[in-house]
Amino acid sequence: MDTSTITVPRSNVTADEVTAVLRGRLGSRYTITPGKRATGFGKEVSGDANSLLVAGSWLERVTVEIAGLEHGTEIEVSPGATYFGLIRLVHRIGLVRKIHNALAQAPELAGAPE
């Protein structure tokens, strides 16, 4: 599976907080759309309040999903396109990895909400 999961110790992390972290760390090159999911090569559909779509070029699309745990929050980062293994490889070394690192290193997600 090409999904990357980050577990942060703070419960009740919101999609707005994750969006703010990603906007701050990824910059303006990427568009972040709450409530959307990538479903295939360049396609997107409606998600829920705990999902967001991160997109760069038409090739770079990642879905981020947030799930509450009893003692923390799990954030799943998955590639938006899986066209033959090539796109999986691009995502593994590209945007999925950038997003994973940005969220894993975000102190604002680890501590108490401000």
PDB file of N, CA and C in Angstrom:
ATOM      1  N   MET A   1       0.845  -1.188   0.000  1.00  0.00           N
ATOM      2  CA  MET A   1       0.000   0.000   0.000  1.00  0.00           C
ATOM      3  C   MET A   1       0.881   1.238   0.000  1.00  0.00           C
ATOM      4  N   ASP A   2       0.444   2.263  -0.661  1.00  0.00           N
ATOM      5  CA  ASP A   2       1.224   3.479  -0.801  1.00  0.00           C
ATOM      6  C   ASP A   2       0.772   4.569   0.163  1.00  0.00           C
ATOM      7  N   THR A   3       0.052   4.201   1.185  1.00  0.00           N
ATOM      8  CA  THR A   3      -0.460   5.162   2.153  1.00  0.00           C
ATOM      9  C   THR A   3       0.575   5.384   3.245  1.00  0.00           C
ATOM     10  N   SER A   4       0.667   6.611   3.700  1.00  0.00           N
ATOM     11  CA  SER A   4       1.552   6.984   4.777  1.00  0.00           C
ATOM     12  C   SER A   4       0.685   7.474   5.933  1.00  0.00           C
ATOM     13  N   THR A   5       0.927   6.994   7.140  1.00  0.00           N
ATOM     14  CA  THR A   5       0.107   7.374   8.285  1.00  0.00           C
ATOM     15  C   THR A   5       0.962   8.035   9.357  1.00  0.00           C
ATOM     16  N   ILE A   6       0.457   9.147   9.866  1.00  0.00           N
ATOM     17  CA  ILE A   6       1.097   9.862  10.963  1.00  0.00           C
ATOM     18  C   ILE A   6       0.126   9.820  12.134  1.00  0.00           C
ATOM     19  N   THR A   7       0.615   9.476  13.313  1.00  0.00           N
ATOM     20  CA  THR A   7      -0.208   9.531  14.519  1.00  0.00           C
ATOM     21  C   THR A   7       0.363  10.626  15.400  1.00  0.00           C
ATOM     22  N   VAL A   8      -0.477  11.610  15.711  1.00  0.00           N
ATOM     23  CA  VAL A   8      -0.045  12.693  16.589  1.00  0.00           C
ATOM     24  C   VAL A   8      -0.702  12.497  17.946  1.00  0.00           C
ATOM     25  N   PRO A   9      -0.020  12.908  19.022  1.00  0.00           N
ATOM     26  CA  PRO A   9      -0.536  12.642  20.365  1.00  0.00           C
ATOM     27  C   PRO A   9      -1.771  13.449  20.748  1.00  0.00           C
ATOM     28  N   ARG A  10      -2.035  14.529  20.049  1.00  0.00           N
ATOM     29  CA  ARG A  10      -3.173  15.378  20.405  1.00  0.00           C
ATOM     30  C   ARG A  10      -4.463  14.858  19.792  1.00  0.00           C
ATOM     31  N   SER A  11      -5.503  14.779  20.585  1.00  0.00           N
ATOM     32  CA  SER A  11      -6.824  14.373  20.097  1.00  0.00           C
ATOM     33  C   SER A  11      -7.509  15.559  19.430  1.00  0.00           C
ATOM     34  N   ASN A  12      -8.478  15.249  18.604  1.00  0.00           N
ATOM     35  CA  ASN A  12      -9.347  16.259  17.997  1.00  0.00           C
ATOM     36  C   ASN A  12      -8.633  17.265  17.096  1.00  0.00           C
ATOM     37  N   VAL A  13      -7.602  16.828  16.387  1.00  0.00           N
ATOM     38  CA  VAL A  13      -6.974  17.692  15.390  1.00  0.00           C
ATOM     39  C   VAL A  13      -7.993  17.866  14.267  1.00  0.00           C
ATOM     40  N   THR A  14      -8.165  19.090  13.808  1.00  0.00           N
ATOM     41  CA  THR A  14      -9.179  19.371  12.793  1.00  0.00           C
ATOM     42  C   THR A  14      -8.567  19.492  11.400  1.00  0.00           C
ATOM     43  N   ALA A  15      -9.432  19.396  10.401  1.00  0.00           N
ATOM     44  CA  ALA A  15      -9.000  19.573   9.015  1.00  0.00           C
ATOM     45  C   ALA A  15      -8.468  20.998   8.808  1.00  0.00           C
ATOM     46  N   ASP A  16      -9.054  21.971   9.497  1.00  0.00           N
ATOM     47  CA  ASP A  16      -8.571  23.355   9.388  1.00  0.00           C
ATOM     48  C   ASP A  16      -7.137  23.483   9.905  1.00  0.00           C
ATOM     49  N   GLU A  17      -6.838  22.801  10.995  1.00  0.00           N
ATOM     50  CA  GLU A  17      -5.480  22.848  11.549  1.00  0.00           C
ATOM     51  C   GLU A  17      -4.481  22.176  10.616  1.00  0.00           C
ATOM     52  N   VAL A  18      -4.859  21.039  10.058  1.00  0.00           N
ATOM     53  CA  VAL A  18      -3.989  20.329   9.113  1.00  0.00           C
ATOM     54  C   VAL A  18      -3.777  21.193   7.873  1.00  0.00           C
ATOM     55  N   THR A  19      -4.840  21.821   7.390  1.00  0.00           N
ATOM     56  CA  THR A  19      -4.747  22.705   6.230  1.00  0.00           C
ATOM     57  C   THR A  19      -3.785  23.853   6.510  1.00  0.00           C
ATOM     58  N   ALA A  20      -3.883  24.466   7.685  1.00  0.00           N
ATOM     59  CA  ALA A  20      -3.004  25.583   8.046  1.00  0.00           C
ATOM     60  C   ALA A  20      -1.538  25.142   8.079  1.00  0.00           C
ATOM     61  N   VAL A  21      -1.274  23.975   8.645  1.00  0.00           N
ATOM     62  CA  VAL A  21       0.094  23.456   8.694  1.00  0.00           C
ATOM     63  C   VAL A  21       0.619  23.251   7.275  1.00  0.00           C
ATOM     64  N   LEU A  22      -0.183  22.612   6.434  1.00  0.00           N
ATOM     65  CA  LEU A  22       0.274  22.329   5.069  1.00  0.00           C
ATOM     66  C   LEU A  22       0.463  23.606   4.257  1.00  0.00           C
ATOM     67  N   ARG A  23      -0.437  24.551   4.392  1.00  0.00           N
ATOM     68  CA  ARG A  23      -0.273  25.825   3.655  1.00  0.00           C
ATOM     69  C   ARG A  23       1.007  26.526   4.083  1.00  0.00           C
ATOM     70  N   GLY A  24       1.292  26.500   5.369  1.00  0.00           N
ATOM     71  CA  GLY A  24       2.503  27.139   5.877  1.00  0.00           C
ATOM     72  C   GLY A  24       3.781  26.450   5.457  1.00  0.00           C
ATOM     73  N   ARG A  25       3.748  25.138   5.353  1.00  0.00           N
ATOM     74  CA  ARG A  25       4.962  24.392   5.060  1.00  0.00           C
ATOM     75  C   ARG A  25       5.168  24.088   3.572  1.00  0.00           C
ATOM     76  N   LEU A  26       4.088  23.971   2.821  1.00  0.00           N
ATOM     77  CA  LEU A  26       4.216  23.644   1.400  1.00  0.00           C
ATOM     78  C   LEU A  26       4.270  24.885   0.508  1.00  0.00           C
ATOM     79  N   GLY A  27       3.732  25.987   0.986  1.00  0.00           N
ATOM     80  CA  GLY A  27       3.746  27.216   0.204  1.00  0.00           C
ATOM     81  C   GLY A  27       2.615  27.283  -0.808  1.00  0.00           C
ATOM     82  N   SER A  28       2.689  28.310  -1.636  1.00  0.00           N
ATOM     83  CA  SER A  28       1.587  28.601  -2.559  1.00  0.00           C
ATOM     84  C   SER A  28       1.578  27.724  -3.807  1.00  0.00           C
ATOM     85  N   ARG A  29       2.570  26.898  -3.991  1.00  0.00           N
ATOM     86  CA  ARG A  29       2.616  26.021  -5.174  1.00  0.00           C
ATOM     87  C   ARG A  29       1.483  24.989  -5.159  1.00  0.00           C
ATOM     88  N   TYR A  30       0.999  24.649  -3.968  1.00  0.00           N
ATOM     89  CA  TYR A  30      -0.015  23.611  -3.833  1.00  0.00           C
ATOM     90  C   TYR A  30      -1.358  24.201  -3.435  1.00  0.00           C
ATOM     91  N   THR A  31      -2.421  23.644  -4.002  1.00  0.00           N
ATOM     92  CA  THR A  31      -3.785  24.025  -3.658  1.00  0.00           C
ATOM     93  C   THR A  31      -4.323  23.002  -2.671  1.00  0.00           C
ATOM     94  N   ILE A  32      -4.904  23.465  -1.588  1.00  0.00           N
ATOM     95  CA  ILE A  32      -5.471  22.571  -0.578  1.00  0.00           C
ATOM     96  C   ILE A  32      -6.964  22.823  -0.536  1.00  0.00           C
ATOM     97  N   THR A  33      -7.749  21.768  -0.796  1.00  0.00           N
ATOM     98  CA  THR A  33      -9.193  21.897  -0.858  1.00  0.00           C
ATOM     99  C   THR A  33      -9.846  20.993   0.184  1.00  0.00           C
ATOM    100  N   PRO A  34     -10.361  21.570   1.263  1.00  0.00           N
ATOM    101  CA  PRO A  34     -11.062  20.765   2.275  1.00  0.00           C
ATOM    102  C   PRO A  34     -12.323  20.126   1.679  1.00  0.00           C
ATOM    103  N   GLY A  35     -12.668  18.941   2.187  1.00  0.00           N
ATOM    104  CA  GLY A  35     -13.892  18.266   1.769  1.00  0.00           C
ATOM    105  C   GLY A  35     -13.817  17.584   0.418  1.00  0.00           C
ATOM    106  N   LYS A  36     -12.613  17.417  -0.124  1.00  0.00           N
ATOM    107  CA  LYS A  36     -12.439  16.734  -1.412  1.00  0.00           C
ATOM    108  C   LYS A  36     -11.468  15.572  -1.256  1.00  0.00           C
ATOM    109  N   ARG A  37     -11.543  14.634  -2.205  1.00  0.00           N
ATOM    110  CA  ARG A  37     -10.644  13.471  -2.255  1.00  0.00           C
ATOM    111  C   ARG A  37     -10.225  13.258  -3.698  1.00  0.00           C
ATOM    112  N   ALA A  38      -9.020  12.795  -3.887  1.00  0.00           N
ATOM    113  CA  ALA A  38      -8.560  12.390  -5.212  1.00  0.00           C
ATOM    114  C   ALA A  38      -8.942  10.923  -5.395  1.00  0.00           C
ATOM    115  N   THR A  39      -9.507  10.607  -6.557  1.00  0.00           N
ATOM    116  CA  THR A  39      -9.967   9.230  -6.765  1.00  0.00           C
ATOM    117  C   THR A  39      -9.285   8.524  -7.912  1.00  0.00           C
ATOM    118  N   GLY A  40      -8.492   9.197  -8.639  1.00  0.00           N
ATOM    119  CA  GLY A  40      -7.828   8.576  -9.771  1.00  0.00           C
ATOM    120  C   GLY A  40      -7.022   9.604 -10.508  1.00  0.00           C
ATOM    121  N   PHE A  41      -6.617   9.259 -11.664  1.00  0.00           N
ATOM    122  CA  PHE A  41      -5.733  10.096 -12.447  1.00  0.00           C
ATOM    123  C   PHE A  41      -6.408  11.429 -12.778  1.00  0.00           C
ATOM    124  N   GLY A  42      -6.103  12.471 -12.000  1.00  0.00           N
ATOM    125  CA  GLY A  42      -6.650  13.797 -12.231  1.00  0.00           C
ATOM    126  C   GLY A  42      -8.095  13.992 -11.844  1.00  0.00           C
ATOM    127  N   LYS A  43      -8.685  13.053 -11.107  1.00  0.00           N
ATOM    128  CA  LYS A  43     -10.099  13.158 -10.738  1.00  0.00           C
ATOM    129  C   LYS A  43     -10.238  13.462  -9.258  1.00  0.00           C
ATOM    130  N   GLU A  44     -11.324  14.151  -8.919  1.00  0.00           N
ATOM    131  CA  GLU A  44     -11.619  14.414  -7.512  1.00  0.00           C
ATOM    132  C   GLU A  44     -13.116  14.293  -7.277  1.00  0.00           C
ATOM    133  N   VAL A  45     -13.467  13.921  -6.051  1.00  0.00           N
ATOM    134  CA  VAL A  45     -14.863  13.789  -5.652  1.00  0.00           C
ATOM    135  C   VAL A  45     -15.037  14.439  -4.287  1.00  0.00           C
ATOM    136  N   SER A  46     -16.273  14.605  -3.885  1.00  0.00           N
ATOM    137  CA  SER A  46     -16.551  15.135  -2.553  1.00  0.00           C
ATOM    138  C   SER A  46     -16.095  14.144  -1.500  1.00  0.00           C
ATOM    139  N   GLY A  47     -15.513  14.668  -0.448  1.00  0.00           N
ATOM    140  CA  GLY A  47     -15.126  13.861   0.695  1.00  0.00           C
ATOM    141  C   GLY A  47     -16.007  14.246   1.863  1.00  0.00           C
ATOM    142  N   ASP A  48     -15.453  14.186   3.051  1.00  0.00           N
ATOM    143  CA  ASP A  48     -16.202  14.617   4.226  1.00  0.00           C
ATOM    144  C   ASP A  48     -15.425  15.722   4.933  1.00  0.00           C
ATOM    145  N   ALA A  49     -15.878  16.114   6.109  1.00  0.00           N
ATOM    146  CA  ALA A  49     -15.248  17.209   6.845  1.00  0.00           C
ATOM    147  C   ALA A  49     -13.830  16.870   7.303  1.00  0.00           C
ATOM    148  N   ASN A  50     -13.474  15.595   7.290  1.00  0.00           N
ATOM    149  CA  ASN A  50     -12.157  15.162   7.740  1.00  0.00           C
ATOM    150  C   ASN A  50     -11.234  14.754   6.601  1.00  0.00           C
ATOM    151  N   SER A  51     -11.534  15.216   5.401  1.00  0.00           N
ATOM    152  CA  SER A  51     -10.658  14.907   4.271  1.00  0.00           C
ATOM    153  C   SER A  51     -10.304  16.186   3.539  1.00  0.00           C
ATOM    154  N   LEU A  52      -9.158  16.164   2.892  1.00  0.00           N
ATOM    155  CA  LEU A  52      -8.768  17.291   2.066  1.00  0.00           C
ATOM    156  C   LEU A  52      -7.892  16.804   0.930  1.00  0.00           C
ATOM    157  N   LEU A  53      -7.922  17.562  -0.140  1.00  0.00           N
ATOM    158  CA  LEU A  53      -7.161  17.260  -1.342  1.00  0.00           C
ATOM    159  C   LEU A  53      -6.032  18.264  -1.463  1.00  0.00           C
ATOM    160  N   VAL A  54      -4.812  17.768  -1.663  1.00  0.00           N
ATOM    161  CA  VAL A  54      -3.663  18.622  -1.898  1.00  0.00           C
ATOM    162  C   VAL A  54      -3.241  18.380  -3.339  1.00  0.00           C
ATOM    163  N   ALA A  55      -3.164  19.449  -4.119  1.00  0.00           N
ATOM    164  CA  ALA A  55      -2.833  19.307  -5.535  1.00  0.00           C
ATOM    165  C   ALA A  55      -1.775  20.314  -5.947  1.00  0.00           C
ATOM    166  N   GLY A  56      -0.851  19.818  -6.755  1.00  0.00           N
ATOM    167  CA  GLY A  56       0.146  20.687  -7.386  1.00  0.00           C
ATOM    168  C   GLY A  56      -0.190  20.692  -8.861  1.00  0.00           C
ATOM    169  N   SER A  57       0.617  20.047  -9.639  1.00  0.00           N
ATOM    170  CA  SER A  57       0.296  19.880 -11.055  1.00  0.00           C
ATOM    171  C   SER A  57      -0.786  18.813 -11.176  1.00  0.00           C
ATOM    172  N   TRP A  58      -1.270  18.578 -12.378  1.00  0.00           N
ATOM    173  CA  TRP A  58      -2.312  17.555 -12.575  1.00  0.00           C
ATOM    174  C   TRP A  58      -1.821  16.181 -12.149  1.00  0.00           C
ATOM    175  N   LEU A  59      -0.510  16.005 -12.094  1.00  0.00           N
ATOM    176  CA  LEU A  59       0.067  14.729 -11.696  1.00  0.00           C
ATOM    177  C   LEU A  59       0.179  14.587 -10.180  1.00  0.00           C
ATOM    178  N   GLU A  60       0.343  15.701  -9.493  1.00  0.00           N
ATOM    179  CA  GLU A  60       0.545  15.685  -8.047  1.00  0.00           C
ATOM    180  C   GLU A  60      -0.774  15.898  -7.314  1.00  0.00           C
ATOM    181  N   ARG A  61      -1.365  14.816  -6.837  1.00  0.00           N
ATOM    182  CA  ARG A  61      -2.637  14.893  -6.114  1.00  0.00           C
ATOM    183  C   ARG A  61      -2.572  13.899  -4.960  1.00  0.00           C
ATOM    184  N   VAL A  62      -2.903  14.400  -3.779  1.00  0.00           N
ATOM    185  CA  VAL A  62      -2.835  13.577  -2.575  1.00  0.00           C
ATOM    186  C   VAL A  62      -4.093  13.822  -1.741  1.00  0.00           C
ATOM    187  N   THR A  63      -4.637  12.743  -1.192  1.00  0.00           N
ATOM    188  CA  THR A  63      -5.759  12.845  -0.263  1.00  0.00           C
ATOM    189  C   THR A  63      -5.225  12.709   1.160  1.00  0.00           C
ATOM    190  N   VAL A  64      -5.688  13.597   2.041  1.00  0.00           N
ATOM    191  CA  VAL A  64      -5.333  13.552   3.456  1.00  0.00           C
ATOM    192  C   VAL A  64      -6.626  13.316   4.225  1.00  0.00           C
ATOM    193  N   GLU A  65      -6.629  12.286   5.079  1.00  0.00           N
ATOM    194  CA  GLU A  65      -7.813  11.985   5.889  1.00  0.00           C
ATOM    195  C   GLU A  65      -7.436  11.970   7.359  1.00  0.00           C
ATOM    196  N   ILE A  66      -8.296  12.561   8.177  1.00  0.00           N
ATOM    197  CA  ILE A  66      -8.044  12.719   9.603  1.00  0.00           C
ATOM    198  C   ILE A  66      -9.043  11.876  10.379  1.00  0.00           C
ATOM    199  N   ALA A  67      -8.538  11.074  11.305  1.00  0.00           N
ATOM    200  CA  ALA A  67      -9.401  10.214  12.119  1.00  0.00           C
ATOM    201  C   ALA A  67      -9.009  10.332  13.582  1.00  0.00           C
ATOM    202  N   GLY A  68      -9.981  10.587  14.423  1.00  0.00           N
ATOM    203  CA  GLY A  68      -9.731  10.678  15.854  1.00  0.00           C
ATOM    204  C   GLY A  68      -9.489   9.302  16.456  1.00  0.00           C
ATOM    205  N   LEU A  69      -8.574   9.252  17.380  1.00  0.00           N
ATOM    206  CA  LEU A  69      -8.289   8.048  18.154  1.00  0.00           C
ATOM    207  C   LEU A  69      -8.613   8.353  19.609  1.00  0.00           C
ATOM    208  N   GLU A  70      -8.611   7.340  20.437  1.00  0.00           N
ATOM    209  CA  GLU A  70      -8.886   7.563  21.860  1.00  0.00           C
ATOM    210  C   GLU A  70      -7.855   8.504  22.480  1.00  0.00           C
ATOM    211  N   HIS A  71      -6.597   8.320  22.110  1.00  0.00           N
ATOM    212  CA  HIS A  71      -5.516   9.151  22.662  1.00  0.00           C
ATOM    213  C   HIS A  71      -4.653   9.694  21.535  1.00  0.00           C
ATOM    214  N   GLY A  72      -5.221  10.528  20.689  1.00  0.00           N
ATOM    215  CA  GLY A  72      -4.457  11.115  19.601  1.00  0.00           C
ATOM    216  C   GLY A  72      -5.293  11.233  18.343  1.00  0.00           C
ATOM    217  N   THR A  73      -4.610  11.526  17.258  1.00  0.00           N
ATOM    218  CA  THR A  73      -5.257  11.658  15.961  1.00  0.00           C
ATOM    219  C   THR A  73      -4.396  10.971  14.922  1.00  0.00           C
ATOM    220  N   GLU A  74      -5.032  10.247  14.031  1.00  0.00           N
ATOM    221  CA  GLU A  74      -4.329   9.578  12.941  1.00  0.00           C
ATOM    222  C   GLU A  74      -4.589  10.357  11.656  1.00  0.00           C
ATOM    223  N   ILE A  75      -3.518  10.649  10.934  1.00  0.00           N
ATOM    224  CA  ILE A  75      -3.625  11.374   9.673  1.00  0.00           C
ATOM    225  C   ILE A  75      -3.063  10.474   8.580  1.00  0.00           C
ATOM    226  N   GLU A  76      -3.918  10.118   7.639  1.00  0.00           N
ATOM    227  CA  GLU A  76      -3.528   9.224   6.550  1.00  0.00           C
ATOM    228  C   GLU A  76      -3.318  10.040   5.276  1.00  0.00           C
ATOM    229  N   VAL A  77      -2.184   9.828   4.655  1.00  0.00           N
ATOM    230  CA  VAL A  77      -1.812  10.538   3.437  1.00  0.00           C
ATOM    231  C   VAL A  77      -1.693   9.499   2.328  1.00  0.00           C
ATOM    232  N   SER A  78      -2.489   9.658   1.264  1.00  0.00           N
ATOM    233  CA  SER A  78      -2.455   8.655   0.201  1.00  0.00           C
ATOM    234  C   SER A  78      -2.416   9.320  -1.178  1.00  0.00           C
ATOM    235  N   PRO A  79      -1.719   8.691  -2.121  1.00  0.00           N
ATOM    236  CA  PRO A  79      -1.614   9.254  -3.467  1.00  0.00           C
ATOM    237  C   PRO A  79      -2.968   9.302  -4.144  1.00  0.00           C
ATOM    238  N   GLY A  80      -3.152  10.321  -4.951  1.00  0.00           N
ATOM    239  CA  GLY A  80      -4.426  10.500  -5.634  1.00  0.00           C
ATOM    240  C   GLY A  80      -4.525   9.759  -6.942  1.00  0.00           C
ATOM    241  N   ALA A  81      -3.424   9.290  -7.469  1.00  0.00           N
ATOM    242  CA  ALA A  81      -3.453   8.558  -8.730  1.00  0.00           C
ATOM    243  C   ALA A  81      -2.519   7.367  -8.620  1.00  0.00           C
ATOM    244  N   THR A  82      -2.922   6.282  -9.189  1.00  0.00           N
ATOM    245  CA  THR A  82      -2.103   5.076  -9.131  1.00  0.00           C
ATOM    246  C   THR A  82      -2.002   4.445 -10.522  1.00  0.00           C
ATOM    247  N   TYR A  83      -1.663   5.242 -11.490  1.00  0.00           N
ATOM    248  CA  TYR A  83      -1.575   4.801 -12.882  1.00  0.00           C
ATOM    249  C   TYR A  83      -0.321   3.981 -13.103  1.00  0.00           C
ATOM    250  N   PHE A  84      -0.434   2.739 -13.191  1.00  0.00           N
ATOM    251  CA  PHE A  84       0.650   1.768 -13.384  1.00  0.00           C
ATOM    252  C   PHE A  84       1.679   1.954 -12.277  1.00  0.00           C
ATOM    253  N   GLY A  85       2.446   1.648 -11.725  1.00  0.00           N
ATOM    254  CA  GLY A  85       3.335   1.925 -10.621  1.00  0.00           C
ATOM    255  C   GLY A  85       4.105   3.227 -10.710  1.00  0.00           C
ATOM    256  N   LEU A  86       4.116   3.866 -11.903  1.00  0.00           N
ATOM    257  CA  LEU A  86       4.871   5.100 -12.066  1.00  0.00           C
ATOM    258  C   LEU A  86       4.362   6.196 -11.141  1.00  0.00           C
ATOM    259  N   ILE A  87       3.065   6.408 -11.122  1.00  0.00           N
ATOM    260  CA  ILE A  87       2.520   7.476 -10.290  1.00  0.00           C
ATOM    261  C   ILE A  87       2.748   7.155  -8.822  1.00  0.00           C
ATOM    262  N   ARG A  88       2.647   5.904  -8.449  1.00  0.00           N
ATOM    263  CA  ARG A  88       2.915   5.524  -7.058  1.00  0.00           C
ATOM    264  C   ARG A  88       4.338   5.911  -6.680  1.00  0.00           C
ATOM    265  N   LEU A  89       5.282   5.652  -7.569  1.00  0.00           N
ATOM    266  CA  LEU A  89       6.674   5.985  -7.289  1.00  0.00           C
ATOM    267  C   LEU A  89       6.850   7.494  -7.174  1.00  0.00           C
ATOM    268  N   VAL A  90       6.264   8.249  -8.088  1.00  0.00           N
ATOM    269  CA  VAL A  90       6.350   9.702  -8.047  1.00  0.00           C
ATOM    270  C   VAL A  90       5.824  10.222  -6.719  1.00  0.00           C
ATOM    271  N   HIS A  91       4.673   9.705  -6.290  1.00  0.00           N
ATOM    272  CA  HIS A  91       4.097  10.159  -5.029  1.00  0.00           C
ATOM    273  C   HIS A  91       4.933   9.730  -3.831  1.00  0.00           C
ATOM    274  N   ARG A  92       5.468   8.534  -3.876  1.00  0.00           N
ATOM    275  CA  ARG A  92       6.237   8.037  -2.744  1.00  0.00           C
ATOM    276  C   ARG A  92       7.458   8.909  -2.503  1.00  0.00           C
ATOM    277  N   ILE A  93       8.074   9.380  -3.572  1.00  0.00           N
ATOM    278  CA  ILE A  93       9.270  10.193  -3.396  1.00  0.00           C
ATOM    279  C   ILE A  93       8.962  11.683  -3.482  1.00  0.00           C
ATOM    280  N   GLY A  94       7.714  12.022  -3.765  1.00  0.00           N
ATOM    281  CA  GLY A  94       7.353  13.415  -3.975  1.00  0.00           C
ATOM    282  C   GLY A  94       6.401  13.967  -2.938  1.00  0.00           C
ATOM    283  N   LEU A  95       5.187  14.250  -3.389  1.00  0.00           N
ATOM    284  CA  LEU A  95       4.234  14.982  -2.570  1.00  0.00           C
ATOM    285  C   LEU A  95       3.783  14.231  -1.312  1.00  0.00           C
ATOM    286  N   VAL A  96       3.537  12.938  -1.395  1.00  0.00           N
ATOM    287  CA  VAL A  96       3.144  12.183  -0.196  1.00  0.00           C
ATOM    288  C   VAL A  96       4.227  12.318   0.867  1.00  0.00           C
ATOM    289  N   ARG A  97       5.458  12.195   0.452  1.00  0.00           N
ATOM    290  CA  ARG A  97       6.569  12.300   1.400  1.00  0.00           C
ATOM    291  C   ARG A  97       6.663  13.712   1.988  1.00  0.00           C
ATOM    292  N   LYS A  98       6.504  14.741   1.153  1.00  0.00           N
ATOM    293  CA  LYS A  98       6.543  16.125   1.643  1.00  0.00           C
ATOM    294  C   LYS A  98       5.456  16.363   2.681  1.00  0.00           C
ATOM    295  N   ILE A  99       4.258  15.891   2.378  1.00  0.00           N
ATOM    296  CA  ILE A  99       3.132  16.088   3.296  1.00  0.00           C
ATOM    297  C   ILE A  99       3.356  15.319   4.589  1.00  0.00           C
ATOM    298  N   HIS A 100       3.789  14.073   4.475  1.00  0.00           N
ATOM    299  CA  HIS A 100       4.076  13.261   5.662  1.00  0.00           C
ATOM    300  C   HIS A 100       5.086  13.984   6.563  1.00  0.00           C
ATOM    301  N   ASN A 101       6.178  14.439   5.984  1.00  0.00           N
ATOM    302  CA  ASN A 101       7.212  15.114   6.770  1.00  0.00           C
ATOM    303  C   ASN A 101       6.697  16.402   7.398  1.00  0.00           C
ATOM    304  N   ALA A 102       5.935  17.182   6.647  1.00  0.00           N
ATOM    305  CA  ALA A 102       5.394  18.438   7.176  1.00  0.00           C
ATOM    306  C   ALA A 102       4.498  18.185   8.383  1.00  0.00           C
ATOM    307  N   LEU A 103       3.637  17.190   8.292  1.00  0.00           N
ATOM    308  CA  LEU A 103       2.711  16.901   9.391  1.00  0.00           C
ATOM    309  C   LEU A 103       3.417  16.245  10.572  1.00  0.00           C
ATOM    310  N   ALA A 104       4.346  15.341  10.296  1.00  0.00           N
ATOM    311  CA  ALA A 104       5.063  14.652  11.370  1.00  0.00           C
ATOM    312  C   ALA A 104       5.928  15.615  12.177  1.00  0.00           C
ATOM    313  N   GLN A 105       6.397  16.689  11.554  1.00  0.00           N
ATOM    314  CA  GLN A 105       7.291  17.636  12.222  1.00  0.00           C
ATOM    315  C   GLN A 105       6.571  18.882  12.732  1.00  0.00           C
ATOM    316  N   ALA A 106       5.244  18.885  12.697  1.00  0.00           N
ATOM    317  CA  ALA A 106       4.477  20.073  13.092  1.00  0.00           C
ATOM    318  C   ALA A 106       4.189  20.069  14.591  1.00  0.00           C
ATOM    319  N   PRO A 107       4.888  20.906  15.357  1.00  0.00           N
ATOM    320  CA  PRO A 107       4.644  20.935  16.802  1.00  0.00           C
ATOM    321  C   PRO A 107       3.231  21.394  17.152  1.00  0.00           C
ATOM    322  N   GLU A 108       2.610  22.186  16.268  1.00  0.00           N
ATOM    323  CA  GLU A 108       1.250  22.663  16.544  1.00  0.00           C
ATOM    324  C   GLU A 108       0.221  21.546  16.544  1.00  0.00           C
ATOM    325  N   LEU A 109       0.540  20.395  15.953  1.00  0.00           N
ATOM    326  CA  LEU A 109      -0.377  19.264  15.989  1.00  0.00           C
ATOM    327  C   LEU A 109      -0.127  18.350  17.180  1.00  0.00           C
ATOM    328  N   ALA A 110       1.025  18.492  17.790  1.00  0.00           N
ATOM    329  CA  ALA A 110       1.391  17.609  18.899  1.00  0.00           C
ATOM    330  C   ALA A 110       0.914  18.117  20.251  1.00  0.00           C
ATOM    331  N   GLY A 111       0.869  19.426  20.426  1.00  0.00           N
ATOM    332  CA  GLY A 111       0.509  19.982  21.722  1.00  0.00           C
ATOM    333  C   GLY A 111      -0.956  20.317  21.836  1.00  0.00           C
ATOM    334  N   ALA A 112      -1.279  21.014  22.909  1.00  0.00           N
ATOM    335  CA  ALA A 112      -2.659  21.434  23.138  1.00  0.00           C
ATOM    336  C   ALA A 112      -3.045  22.495  22.117  1.00  0.00           C
ATOM    337  N   PRO A 113      -4.314  22.507  21.700  1.00  0.00           N
ATOM    338  CA  PRO A 113      -4.743  23.544  20.750  1.00  0.00           C
ATOM    339  C   PRO A 113      -4.653  24.918  21.391  1.00  0.00           C
ATOM    340  N   GLU A 114      -4.339  25.912  20.566  1.00  0.00           N
ATOM    341  CA  GLU A 114      -4.187  27.271  21.096  1.00  0.00           C
ATOM    342  C   GLU A 114      -5.512  27.968  21.223  1.00  0.00           C
TER     343      GLU A 114
END
